[in-house]
Amino acid sequence: MINNRMNRARQTLYNPDNGNSSMPQIPSNVRATKEKLQKVSFALVEAVLYLDAYPNCEKAKRYYAELKKERDALVNALSKAGMPMSAMQVEGNDWVWTKGPWPWEYEANV
């Protein structure tokens, strides 16, 4: 069952066997970037669960590494766009962490 989930997520998000190994282009639309981040984060958690059960699977380790790299790029892009995912990502003198919707507000989740 986990193997099927991993395969579906892999086909949707990243498939090195098809030559799709480049990092994603960050769309100007922040909503689309946040949605992609949610999908990649979900797939990353699934990969971790799979690796918990099969820690010696090299294919899963490569998949995890690519997802982690992709997630980091998305988080950095959002941070540079003025939407840091945590207070630790705020750069410069402008305290943007408190600007915009809070996580429990509807706008933050659409």
PDB file of N, CA and C in Angstrom:
ATOM      1  N   MET A   1       0.825  -1.191   0.000  1.00  0.00           N
ATOM      2  CA  MET A   1       0.000   0.000   0.000  1.00  0.00           C
ATOM      3  C   MET A   1       0.868   1.254   0.000  1.00  0.00           C
ATOM      4  N   ILE A   2       1.867   1.288   0.866  1.00  0.00           N
ATOM      5  CA  ILE A   2       2.758   2.444   0.910  1.00  0.00           C
ATOM      6  C   ILE A   2       3.514   2.551  -0.409  1.00  0.00           C
ATOM      7  N   ASN A   3       3.884   1.398  -0.959  1.00  0.00           N
ATOM      8  CA  ASN A   3       4.603   1.402  -2.224  1.00  0.00           C
ATOM      9  C   ASN A   3       3.750   2.026  -3.326  1.00  0.00           C
ATOM     10  N   ASN A   4       2.446   1.735  -3.352  1.00  0.00           N
ATOM     11  CA  ASN A   4       1.551   2.327  -4.346  1.00  0.00           C
ATOM     12  C   ASN A   4       1.443   3.832  -4.171  1.00  0.00           C
ATOM     13  N   ARG A   5       1.341   4.284  -2.926  1.00  0.00           N
ATOM     14  CA  ARG A   5       1.264   5.725  -2.657  1.00  0.00           C
ATOM     15  C   ARG A   5       2.537   6.413  -3.122  1.00  0.00           C
ATOM     16  N   MET A   6       3.660   5.784  -2.805  1.00  0.00           N
ATOM     17  CA  MET A   6       4.942   6.367  -3.183  1.00  0.00           C
ATOM     18  C   MET A   6       5.049   6.467  -4.698  1.00  0.00           C
ATOM     19  N   ASN A   7       4.614   5.448  -5.405  1.00  0.00           N
ATOM     20  CA  ASN A   7       4.674   5.468  -6.859  1.00  0.00           C
ATOM     21  C   ASN A   7       3.767   6.540  -7.447  1.00  0.00           C
ATOM     22  N   ARG A   8       2.553   6.673  -6.911  1.00  0.00           N
ATOM     23  CA  ARG A   8       1.639   7.704  -7.408  1.00  0.00           C
ATOM     24  C   ARG A   8       2.207   9.097  -7.166  1.00  0.00           C
ATOM     25  N   ALA A   9       2.711   9.341  -5.967  1.00  0.00           N
ATOM     26  CA  ALA A   9       3.287  10.649  -5.650  1.00  0.00           C
ATOM     27  C   ALA A   9       4.508  10.913  -6.525  1.00  0.00           C
ATOM     28  N   ARG A  10       5.286   9.900  -6.742  1.00  0.00           N
ATOM     29  CA  ARG A  10       6.491  10.031  -7.549  1.00  0.00           C
ATOM     30  C   ARG A  10       6.135  10.391  -8.985  1.00  0.00           C
ATOM     31  N   GLN A  11       5.133   9.763  -9.541  1.00  0.00           N
ATOM     32  CA  GLN A  11       4.723  10.066 -10.905  1.00  0.00           C
ATOM     33  C   GLN A  11       4.172  11.477 -11.016  1.00  0.00           C
ATOM     34  N   THR A  12       3.499  11.928  -9.982  1.00  0.00           N
ATOM     35  CA  THR A  12       2.891  13.250 -10.011  1.00  0.00           C
ATOM     36  C   THR A  12       3.917  14.357  -9.828  1.00  0.00           C
ATOM     37  N   LEU A  13       4.834  14.178  -8.890  1.00  0.00           N
ATOM     38  CA  LEU A  13       5.725  15.265  -8.508  1.00  0.00           C
ATOM     39  C   LEU A  13       7.092  15.219  -9.160  1.00  0.00           C
ATOM     40  N   TYR A  14       7.666  14.031  -9.263  1.00  0.00           N
ATOM     41  CA  TYR A  14       9.047  13.949  -9.702  1.00  0.00           C
ATOM     42  C   TYR A  14       9.298  12.564 -10.260  1.00  0.00           C
ATOM     43  N   ASN A  15       9.852  12.486 -11.416  1.00  0.00           N
ATOM     44  CA  ASN A  15      10.144  11.181 -11.988  1.00  0.00           C
ATOM     45  C   ASN A  15      11.487  11.238 -12.702  1.00  0.00           C
ATOM     46  N   PRO A  16      12.579  10.863 -12.014  1.00  0.00           N
ATOM     47  CA  PRO A  16      13.900  10.927 -12.635  1.00  0.00           C
ATOM     48  C   PRO A  16      14.038   9.964 -13.806  1.00  0.00           C
ATOM     49  N   ASP A  17      13.235   8.901 -13.840  1.00  0.00           N
ATOM     50  CA  ASP A  17      13.308   7.945 -14.939  1.00  0.00           C
ATOM     51  C   ASP A  17      12.835   8.550 -16.249  1.00  0.00           C
ATOM     52  N   ASN A  18      12.023   9.595 -16.180  1.00  0.00           N
ATOM     53  CA  ASN A  18      11.518  10.259 -17.380  1.00  0.00           C
ATOM     54  C   ASN A  18      12.327  11.504 -17.723  1.00  0.00           C
ATOM     55  N   GLY A  19      13.432  11.697 -17.044  1.00  0.00           N
ATOM     56  CA  GLY A  19      14.279  12.850 -17.322  1.00  0.00           C
ATOM     57  C   GLY A  19      13.792  14.139 -16.703  1.00  0.00           C
ATOM     58  N   ASN A  20      12.845  14.085 -15.789  1.00  0.00           N
ATOM     59  CA  ASN A  20      12.302  15.280 -15.150  1.00  0.00           C
ATOM     60  C   ASN A  20      13.043  15.535 -13.843  1.00  0.00           C
ATOM     61  N   SER A  21      14.347  15.792 -13.945  1.00  0.00           N
ATOM     62  CA  SER A  21      15.136  15.937 -12.723  1.00  0.00           C
ATOM     63  C   SER A  21      15.444  17.386 -12.396  1.00  0.00           C
ATOM     64  N   SER A  22      14.936  18.327 -13.177  1.00  0.00           N
ATOM     65  CA  SER A  22      15.226  19.724 -12.908  1.00  0.00           C
ATOM     66  C   SER A  22      14.363  20.244 -11.769  1.00  0.00           C
ATOM     67  N   MET A  23      14.871  21.268 -11.108  1.00  0.00           N
ATOM     68  CA  MET A  23      14.118  21.880 -10.027  1.00  0.00           C
ATOM     69  C   MET A  23      12.937  22.633 -10.622  1.00  0.00           C
ATOM     70  N   PRO A  24      11.856  22.763  -9.887  1.00  0.00           N
ATOM     71  CA  PRO A  24      10.666  23.406 -10.433  1.00  0.00           C
ATOM     72  C   PRO A  24      10.884  24.895 -10.655  1.00  0.00           C
ATOM     73  N   GLN A  25      10.235  25.416 -11.680  1.00  0.00           N
ATOM     74  CA  GLN A  25      10.221  26.854 -11.892  1.00  0.00           C
ATOM     75  C   GLN A  25       9.169  27.431 -10.951  1.00  0.00           C
ATOM     76  N   ILE A  26       9.537  28.438 -10.187  1.00  0.00           N
ATOM     77  CA  ILE A  26       8.621  29.025  -9.225  1.00  0.00           C
ATOM     78  C   ILE A  26       7.654  29.948  -9.964  1.00  0.00           C
ATOM     79  N   PRO A  27       6.368  29.637  -9.938  1.00  0.00           N
ATOM     80  CA  PRO A  27       5.411  30.511 -10.607  1.00  0.00           C
ATOM     81  C   PRO A  27       5.274  31.827  -9.856  1.00  0.00           C
ATOM     82  N   SER A  28       4.865  32.862 -10.581  1.00  0.00           N
ATOM     83  CA  SER A  28       4.688  34.157  -9.938  1.00  0.00           C
ATOM     84  C   SER A  28       3.504  34.124  -8.978  1.00  0.00           C
ATOM     85  N   ASN A  29       2.610  33.185  -9.189  1.00  0.00           N
ATOM     86  CA  ASN A  29       1.441  33.064  -8.338  1.00  0.00           C
ATOM     87  C   ASN A  29       1.822  32.351  -7.040  1.00  0.00           C
ATOM     88  N   VAL A  30       1.761  33.058  -5.947  1.00  0.00           N
ATOM     89  CA  VAL A  30       2.154  32.501  -4.657  1.00  0.00           C
ATOM     90  C   VAL A  30       1.234  31.347  -4.256  1.00  0.00           C
ATOM     91  N   ARG A  31      -0.025  31.452  -4.609  1.00  0.00           N
ATOM     92  CA  ARG A  31      -0.974  30.389  -4.258  1.00  0.00           C
ATOM     93  C   ARG A  31      -0.558  29.057  -4.899  1.00  0.00           C
ATOM     94  N   ALA A  32      -0.160  29.108  -6.153  1.00  0.00           N
ATOM     95  CA  ALA A  32       0.286  27.895  -6.840  1.00  0.00           C
ATOM     96  C   ALA A  32       1.560  27.345  -6.204  1.00  0.00           C
ATOM     97  N   THR A  33       2.439  28.230  -5.785  1.00  0.00           N
ATOM     98  CA  THR A  33       3.675  27.800  -5.135  1.00  0.00           C
ATOM     99  C   THR A  33       3.373  27.133  -3.799  1.00  0.00           C
ATOM    100  N   LYS A  34       2.439  27.721  -3.039  1.00  0.00           N
ATOM    101  CA  LYS A  34       2.075  27.122  -1.752  1.00  0.00           C
ATOM    102  C   LYS A  34       1.409  25.767  -1.950  1.00  0.00           C
ATOM    103  N   GLU A  35       0.594  25.635  -2.990  1.00  0.00           N
ATOM    104  CA  GLU A  35      -0.056  24.358  -3.276  1.00  0.00           C
ATOM    105  C   GLU A  35       0.978  23.300  -3.645  1.00  0.00           C
ATOM    106  N   LYS A  36       1.957  23.685  -4.453  1.00  0.00           N
ATOM    107  CA  LYS A  36       3.036  22.762  -4.828  1.00  0.00           C
ATOM    108  C   LYS A  36       3.831  22.356  -3.583  1.00  0.00           C
ATOM    109  N   LEU A  37       4.062  23.312  -2.692  1.00  0.00           N
ATOM    110  CA  LEU A  37       4.780  23.022  -1.454  1.00  0.00           C
ATOM    111  C   LEU A  37       4.018  22.005  -0.604  1.00  0.00           C
ATOM    112  N   GLN A  38       2.706  22.139  -0.530  1.00  0.00           N
ATOM    113  CA  GLN A  38       1.909  21.175   0.223  1.00  0.00           C
ATOM    114  C   GLN A  38       2.028  19.779  -0.373  1.00  0.00           C
ATOM    115  N   LYS A  39       1.986  19.679  -1.683  1.00  0.00           N
ATOM    116  CA  LYS A  39       2.090  18.376  -2.342  1.00  0.00           C
ATOM    117  C   LYS A  39       3.461  17.745  -2.134  1.00  0.00           C
ATOM    118  N   VAL A  40       4.488  18.548  -2.294  1.00  0.00           N
ATOM    119  CA  VAL A  40       5.844  18.038  -2.112  1.00  0.00           C
ATOM    120  C   VAL A  40       6.072  17.633  -0.659  1.00  0.00           C
ATOM    121  N   SER A  41       5.565  18.424   0.274  1.00  0.00           N
ATOM    122  CA  SER A  41       5.713  18.096   1.695  1.00  0.00           C
ATOM    123  C   SER A  41       5.002  16.794   2.038  1.00  0.00           C
ATOM    124  N   PHE A  42       3.814  16.595   1.474  1.00  0.00           N
ATOM    125  CA  PHE A  42       3.084  15.347   1.698  1.00  0.00           C
ATOM    126  C   PHE A  42       3.874  14.159   1.164  1.00  0.00           C
ATOM    127  N   ALA A  43       4.390  14.283  -0.049  1.00  0.00           N
ATOM    128  CA  ALA A  43       5.175  13.202  -0.640  1.00  0.00           C
ATOM    129  C   ALA A  43       6.440  12.942   0.167  1.00  0.00           C
ATOM    130  N   LEU A  44       7.022  13.992   0.722  1.00  0.00           N
ATOM    131  CA  LEU A  44       8.225  13.846   1.541  1.00  0.00           C
ATOM    132  C   LEU A  44       7.928  13.050   2.804  1.00  0.00           C
ATOM    133  N   VAL A  45       6.801  13.321   3.444  1.00  0.00           N
ATOM    134  CA  VAL A  45       6.402  12.559   4.634  1.00  0.00           C
ATOM    135  C   VAL A  45       6.174  11.093   4.274  1.00  0.00           C
ATOM    136  N   GLU A  46       5.530  10.861   3.134  1.00  0.00           N
ATOM    137  CA  GLU A  46       5.315   9.482   2.684  1.00  0.00           C
ATOM    138  C   GLU A  46       6.642   8.764   2.440  1.00  0.00           C
ATOM    139  N   ALA A  47       7.598   9.479   1.858  1.00  0.00           N
ATOM    140  CA  ALA A  47       8.914   8.882   1.616  1.00  0.00           C
ATOM    141  C   ALA A  47       9.603   8.537   2.935  1.00  0.00           C
ATOM    142  N   VAL A  48       9.456   9.405   3.928  1.00  0.00           N
ATOM    143  CA  VAL A  48      10.033   9.132   5.249  1.00  0.00           C
ATOM    144  C   VAL A  48       9.410   7.881   5.853  1.00  0.00           C
ATOM    145  N   LEU A  49       8.097   7.765   5.756  1.00  0.00           N
ATOM    146  CA  LEU A  49       7.426   6.578   6.290  1.00  0.00           C
ATOM    147  C   LEU A  49       7.893   5.311   5.571  1.00  0.00           C
ATOM    148  N   TYR A  50       8.059   5.398   4.270  1.00  0.00           N
ATOM    149  CA  TYR A  50       8.538   4.251   3.504  1.00  0.00           C
ATOM    150  C   TYR A  50       9.958   3.881   3.938  1.00  0.00           C
ATOM    151  N   LEU A  51      10.809   4.904   4.107  1.00  0.00           N
ATOM    152  CA  LEU A  51      12.187   4.644   4.532  1.00  0.00           C
ATOM    153  C   LEU A  51      12.265   4.105   5.956  1.00  0.00           C
ATOM    154  N   ASP A  52      11.291   4.438   6.786  1.00  0.00           N
ATOM    155  CA  ASP A  52      11.244   3.847   8.125  1.00  0.00           C
ATOM    156  C   ASP A  52      11.092   2.334   8.032  1.00  0.00           C
ATOM    157  N   ALA A  53      10.315   1.880   7.060  1.00  0.00           N
ATOM    158  CA  ALA A  53      10.081   0.450   6.893  1.00  0.00           C
ATOM    159  C   ALA A  53      11.191  -0.222   6.082  1.00  0.00           C
ATOM    160  N   TYR A  54      11.763   0.499   5.116  1.00  0.00           N
ATOM    161  CA  TYR A  54      12.786  -0.061   4.229  1.00  0.00           C
ATOM    162  C   TYR A  54      13.993   0.874   4.177  1.00  0.00           C
ATOM    163  N   PRO A  55      14.771   0.927   5.249  1.00  0.00           N
ATOM    164  CA  PRO A  55      15.860   1.910   5.341  1.00  0.00           C
ATOM    165  C   PRO A  55      17.015   1.686   4.361  1.00  0.00           C
ATOM    166  N   ASN A  56      17.091   0.531   3.745  1.00  0.00           N
ATOM    167  CA  ASN A  56      18.197   0.256   2.825  1.00  0.00           C
ATOM    168  C   ASN A  56      17.813   0.424   1.359  1.00  0.00           C
ATOM    169  N   CYS A  57      16.642   0.924   1.080  1.00  0.00           N
ATOM    170  CA  CYS A  57      16.163   1.088  -0.300  1.00  0.00           C
ATOM    171  C   CYS A  57      16.826   2.330  -0.923  1.00  0.00           C
ATOM    172  N   GLU A  58      17.761   2.103  -1.819  1.00  0.00           N
ATOM    173  CA  GLU A  58      18.497   3.207  -2.438  1.00  0.00           C
ATOM    174  C   GLU A  58      17.599   4.085  -3.307  1.00  0.00           C
ATOM    175  N   LYS A  59      16.653   3.475  -3.996  1.00  0.00           N
ATOM    176  CA  LYS A  59      15.727   4.233  -4.836  1.00  0.00           C
ATOM    177  C   LYS A  59      14.905   5.208  -3.985  1.00  0.00           C
ATOM    178  N   ALA A  60      14.441   4.750  -2.837  1.00  0.00           N
ATOM    179  CA  ALA A  60      13.668   5.607  -1.934  1.00  0.00           C
ATOM    180  C   ALA A  60      14.542   6.714  -1.351  1.00  0.00           C
ATOM    181  N   LYS A  61      15.804   6.412  -1.080  1.00  0.00           N
ATOM    182  CA  LYS A  61      16.712   7.435  -0.558  1.00  0.00           C
ATOM    183  C   LYS A  61      16.946   8.532  -1.584  1.00  0.00           C
ATOM    184  N   ARG A  62      17.108   8.153  -2.855  1.00  0.00           N
ATOM    185  CA  ARG A  62      17.283   9.149  -3.919  1.00  0.00           C
ATOM    186  C   ARG A  62      16.010   9.991  -4.073  1.00  0.00           C
ATOM    187  N   TYR A  63      14.870   9.326  -4.015  1.00  0.00           N
ATOM    188  CA  TYR A  63      13.581  10.015  -4.118  1.00  0.00           C
ATOM    189  C   TYR A  63      13.425  11.024  -2.985  1.00  0.00           C
ATOM    190  N   TYR A  64      13.765  10.608  -1.770  1.00  0.00           N
ATOM    191  CA  TYR A  64      13.699  11.491  -0.607  1.00  0.00           C
ATOM    192  C   TYR A  64      14.606  12.714  -0.805  1.00  0.00           C
ATOM    193  N   ALA A  65      15.822  12.472  -1.269  1.00  0.00           N
ATOM    194  CA  ALA A  65      16.771  13.573  -1.456  1.00  0.00           C
ATOM    195  C   ALA A  65      16.264  14.581  -2.484  1.00  0.00           C
ATOM    196  N   GLU A  66      15.678  14.096  -3.574  1.00  0.00           N
ATOM    197  CA  GLU A  66      15.144  15.002  -4.590  1.00  0.00           C
ATOM    198  C   GLU A  66      13.947  15.789  -4.065  1.00  0.00           C
ATOM    199  N   LEU A  67      13.070  15.109  -3.341  1.00  0.00           N
ATOM    200  CA  LEU A  67      11.914  15.818  -2.763  1.00  0.00           C
ATOM    201  C   LEU A  67      12.367  16.871  -1.762  1.00  0.00           C
ATOM    202  N   LYS A  68      13.352  16.551  -0.951  1.00  0.00           N
ATOM    203  CA  LYS A  68      13.854  17.497   0.049  1.00  0.00           C
ATOM    204  C   LYS A  68      14.448  18.719  -0.649  1.00  0.00           C
ATOM    205  N   LYS A  69      15.196  18.493  -1.711  1.00  0.00           N
ATOM    206  CA  LYS A  69      15.791  19.594  -2.467  1.00  0.00           C
ATOM    207  C   LYS A  69      14.689  20.471  -3.075  1.00  0.00           C
ATOM    208  N   GLU A  70      13.665  19.824  -3.617  1.00  0.00           N
ATOM    209  CA  GLU A  70      12.554  20.561  -4.216  1.00  0.00           C
ATOM    210  C   GLU A  70      11.792  21.362  -3.161  1.00  0.00           C
ATOM    211  N   ARG A  71      11.553  20.756  -1.995  1.00  0.00           N
ATOM    212  CA  ARG A  71      10.843  21.446  -0.920  1.00  0.00           C
ATOM    213  C   ARG A  71      11.641  22.651  -0.427  1.00  0.00           C
ATOM    214  N   ASP A  72      12.937  22.467  -0.248  1.00  0.00           N
ATOM    215  CA  ASP A  72      13.788  23.572   0.197  1.00  0.00           C
ATOM    216  C   ASP A  72      13.747  24.732  -0.801  1.00  0.00           C
ATOM    217  N   ALA A  73      13.752  24.412  -2.112  1.00  0.00           N
ATOM    218  CA  ALA A  73      13.697  25.455  -3.130  1.00  0.00           C
ATOM    219  C   ALA A  73      12.366  26.206  -3.076  1.00  0.00           C
ATOM    220  N   LEU A  74      11.287  25.491  -2.870  1.00  0.00           N
ATOM    221  CA  LEU A  74       9.968  26.134  -2.781  1.00  0.00           C
ATOM    222  C   LEU A  74       9.868  27.019  -1.541  1.00  0.00           C
ATOM    223  N   VAL A  75      10.356  26.538  -0.403  1.00  0.00           N
ATOM    224  CA  VAL A  75      10.329  27.327   0.836  1.00  0.00           C
ATOM    225  C   VAL A  75      11.176  28.585   0.666  1.00  0.00           C
ATOM    226  N   ASN A  76      12.349  28.451   0.059  1.00  0.00           N
ATOM    227  CA  ASN A  76      13.206  29.621  -0.157  1.00  0.00           C
ATOM    228  C   ASN A  76      12.563  30.614  -1.110  1.00  0.00           C
ATOM    229  N   ALA A  77      11.896  30.113  -2.149  1.00  0.00           N
ATOM    230  CA  ALA A  77      11.229  31.007  -3.094  1.00  0.00           C
ATOM    231  C   ALA A  77      10.112  31.787  -2.408  1.00  0.00           C
ATOM    232  N   LEU A  78       9.335  31.121  -1.579  1.00  0.00           N
ATOM    233  CA  LEU A  78       8.271  31.818  -0.855  1.00  0.00           C
ATOM    234  C   LEU A  78       8.856  32.836   0.118  1.00  0.00           C
ATOM    235  N   SER A  79       9.945  32.483   0.746  1.00  0.00           N
ATOM    236  CA  SER A  79      10.584  33.399   1.677  1.00  0.00           C
ATOM    237  C   SER A  79      11.066  34.652   0.951  1.00  0.00           C
ATOM    238  N   LYS A  80      11.672  34.471  -0.205  1.00  0.00           N
ATOM    239  CA  LYS A  80      12.151  35.613  -0.985  1.00  0.00           C
ATOM    240  C   LYS A  80      11.009  36.436  -1.552  1.00  0.00           C
ATOM    241  N   ALA A  81       9.853  35.807  -1.747  1.00  0.00           N
ATOM    242  CA  ALA A  81       8.681  36.526  -2.250  1.00  0.00           C
ATOM    243  C   ALA A  81       7.960  37.271  -1.128  1.00  0.00           C
ATOM    244  N   GLY A  82       8.499  37.226   0.079  1.00  0.00           N
ATOM    245  CA  GLY A  82       7.898  37.938   1.197  1.00  0.00           C
ATOM    246  C   GLY A  82       6.927  37.110   2.001  1.00  0.00           C
ATOM    247  N   MET A  83       6.949  35.802   1.834  1.00  0.00           N
ATOM    248  CA  MET A  83       6.064  34.911   2.585  1.00  0.00           C
ATOM    249  C   MET A  83       6.890  33.815   3.261  1.00  0.00           C
ATOM    250  N   PRO A  84       7.676  34.171   4.260  1.00  0.00           N
ATOM    251  CA  PRO A  84       8.494  33.149   4.916  1.00  0.00           C
ATOM    252  C   PRO A  84       7.626  32.116   5.624  1.00  0.00           C
ATOM    253  N   MET A  85       8.076  30.876   5.636  1.00  0.00           N
ATOM    254  CA  MET A  85       7.343  29.795   6.276  1.00  0.00           C
ATOM    255  C   MET A  85       7.595  29.740   7.779  1.00  0.00           C
ATOM    256  N   SER A  86       8.638  30.403   8.225  1.00  0.00           N
ATOM    257  CA  SER A  86       8.906  30.480   9.664  1.00  0.00           C
ATOM    258  C   SER A  86       9.599  31.811   9.955  1.00  0.00           C
ATOM    259  N   ALA A  87       9.607  32.195  11.207  1.00  0.00           N
ATOM    260  CA  ALA A  87      10.254  33.446  11.603  1.00  0.00           C
ATOM    261  C   ALA A  87      11.759  33.397  11.373  1.00  0.00           C
ATOM    262  N   MET A  88      12.322  32.218  11.306  1.00  0.00           N
ATOM    263  CA  MET A  88      13.762  32.077  11.103  1.00  0.00           C
ATOM    264  C   MET A  88      14.185  32.427   9.673  1.00  0.00           C
ATOM    265  N   GLN A  89      13.240  32.560   8.772  1.00  0.00           N
ATOM    266  CA  GLN A  89      13.553  32.852   7.373  1.00  0.00           C
ATOM    267  C   GLN A  89      13.416  34.324   7.018  1.00  0.00           C
ATOM    268  N   VAL A  90      13.076  35.160   7.954  1.00  0.00           N
ATOM    269  CA  VAL A  90      12.926  36.582   7.685  1.00  0.00           C
ATOM    270  C   VAL A  90      14.315  37.181   7.494  1.00  0.00           C
ATOM    271  N   GLU A  91      14.480  37.877   6.370  1.00  0.00           N
ATOM    272  CA  GLU A  91      15.759  38.516   6.078  1.00  0.00           C
ATOM    273  C   GLU A  91      15.565  40.023   5.969  1.00  0.00           C
ATOM    274  N   GLY A  92      16.582  40.759   6.311  1.00  0.00           N
ATOM    275  CA  GLY A  92      16.525  42.214   6.190  1.00  0.00           C
ATOM    276  C   GLY A  92      15.867  42.863   7.396  1.00  0.00           C
ATOM    277  N   ASN A  93      15.553  44.138   7.239  1.00  0.00           N
ATOM    278  CA  ASN A  93      14.993  44.922   8.333  1.00  0.00           C
ATOM    279  C   ASN A  93      13.480  44.888   8.394  1.00  0.00           C
ATOM    280  N   ASP A  94      12.828  44.401   7.344  1.00  0.00           N
ATOM    281  CA  ASP A  94      11.371  44.389   7.300  1.00  0.00           C
ATOM    282  C   ASP A  94      10.848  43.117   7.952  1.00  0.00           C
ATOM    283  N   TRP A  95      10.116  43.250   9.029  1.00  0.00           N
ATOM    284  CA  TRP A  95       9.603  42.082   9.758  1.00  0.00           C
ATOM    285  C   TRP A  95       8.318  41.602   9.089  1.00  0.00           C
ATOM    286  N   VAL A  96       8.460  40.754   8.055  1.00  0.00           N
ATOM    287  CA  VAL A  96       7.333  40.320   7.242  1.00  0.00           C
ATOM    288  C   VAL A  96       6.636  39.089   7.803  1.00  0.00           C
ATOM    289  N   TRP A  97       7.171  38.516   8.836  1.00  0.00           N
ATOM    290  CA  TRP A  97       6.598  37.290   9.399  1.00  0.00           C
ATOM    291  C   TRP A  97       5.147  37.482   9.809  1.00  0.00           C
ATOM    292  N   THR A  98       4.809  38.659  10.320  1.00  0.00           N
ATOM    293  CA  THR A  98       3.453  38.901  10.817  1.00  0.00           C
ATOM    294  C   THR A  98       2.525  39.494   9.765  1.00  0.00           C
ATOM    295  N   LYS A  99       3.028  39.742   8.564  1.00  0.00           N
ATOM    296  CA  LYS A  99       2.181  40.282   7.494  1.00  0.00           C
ATOM    297  C   LYS A  99       1.461  39.132   6.800  1.00  0.00           C
ATOM    298  N   GLY A 100       0.319  39.424   6.270  1.00  0.00           N
ATOM    299  CA  GLY A 100      -0.428  38.396   5.557  1.00  0.00           C
ATOM    300  C   GLY A 100      -1.270  37.559   6.501  1.00  0.00           C
ATOM    301  N   PRO A 101      -1.977  36.588   5.944  1.00  0.00           N
ATOM    302  CA  PRO A 101      -2.875  35.777   6.778  1.00  0.00           C
ATOM    303  C   PRO A 101      -2.115  34.830   7.702  1.00  0.00           C
ATOM    304  N   TRP A 102      -2.678  34.588   8.867  1.00  0.00           N
ATOM    305  CA  TRP A 102      -2.111  33.632   9.812  1.00  0.00           C
ATOM    306  C   TRP A 102      -2.544  32.218   9.403  1.00  0.00           C
ATOM    307  N   PRO A 103      -1.842  31.205   9.840  1.00  0.00           N
ATOM    308  CA  PRO A 103      -2.151  29.835   9.390  1.00  0.00           C
ATOM    309  C   PRO A 103      -3.588  29.395   9.631  1.00  0.00           C
ATOM    310  N   TRP A 104      -4.244  29.919  10.638  1.00  0.00           N
ATOM    311  CA  TRP A 104      -5.620  29.493  10.937  1.00  0.00           C
ATOM    312  C   TRP A 104      -6.657  30.300  10.152  1.00  0.00           C
ATOM    313  N   GLU A 105      -6.219  31.295   9.411  1.00  0.00           N
ATOM    314  CA  GLU A 105      -7.141  32.078   8.602  1.00  0.00           C
ATOM    315  C   GLU A 105      -7.345  31.416   7.245  1.00  0.00           C
ATOM    316  N   TYR A 106      -8.530  31.579   6.701  1.00  0.00           N
ATOM    317  CA  TYR A 106      -8.918  30.931   5.453  1.00  0.00           C
ATOM    318  C   TYR A 106      -7.941  31.247   4.315  1.00  0.00           C
ATOM    319  N   GLU A 107      -7.547  32.509   4.183  1.00  0.00           N
ATOM    320  CA  GLU A 107      -6.696  32.942   3.084  1.00  0.00           C
ATOM    321  C   GLU A 107      -5.338  32.229   3.083  1.00  0.00           C
ATOM    322  N   ALA A 108      -4.875  31.808   4.228  1.00  0.00           N
ATOM    323  CA  ALA A 108      -3.580  31.135   4.313  1.00  0.00           C
ATOM    324  C   ALA A 108      -3.633  29.719   3.786  1.00  0.00           C
ATOM    325  N   ASN A 109      -4.815  29.177   3.627  1.00  0.00           N
ATOM    326  CA  ASN A 109      -4.953  27.782   3.250  1.00  0.00           C
ATOM    327  C   ASN A 109      -5.643  27.555   1.915  1.00  0.00           C
ATOM    328  N   VAL A 110      -5.780  28.602   1.134  1.00  0.00           N
ATOM    329  CA  VAL A 110      -6.383  28.446  -0.193  1.00  0.00           C
ATOM    330  C   VAL A 110      -5.400  28.836  -1.268  1.00  0.00           C
TER     331      VAL A 110
END
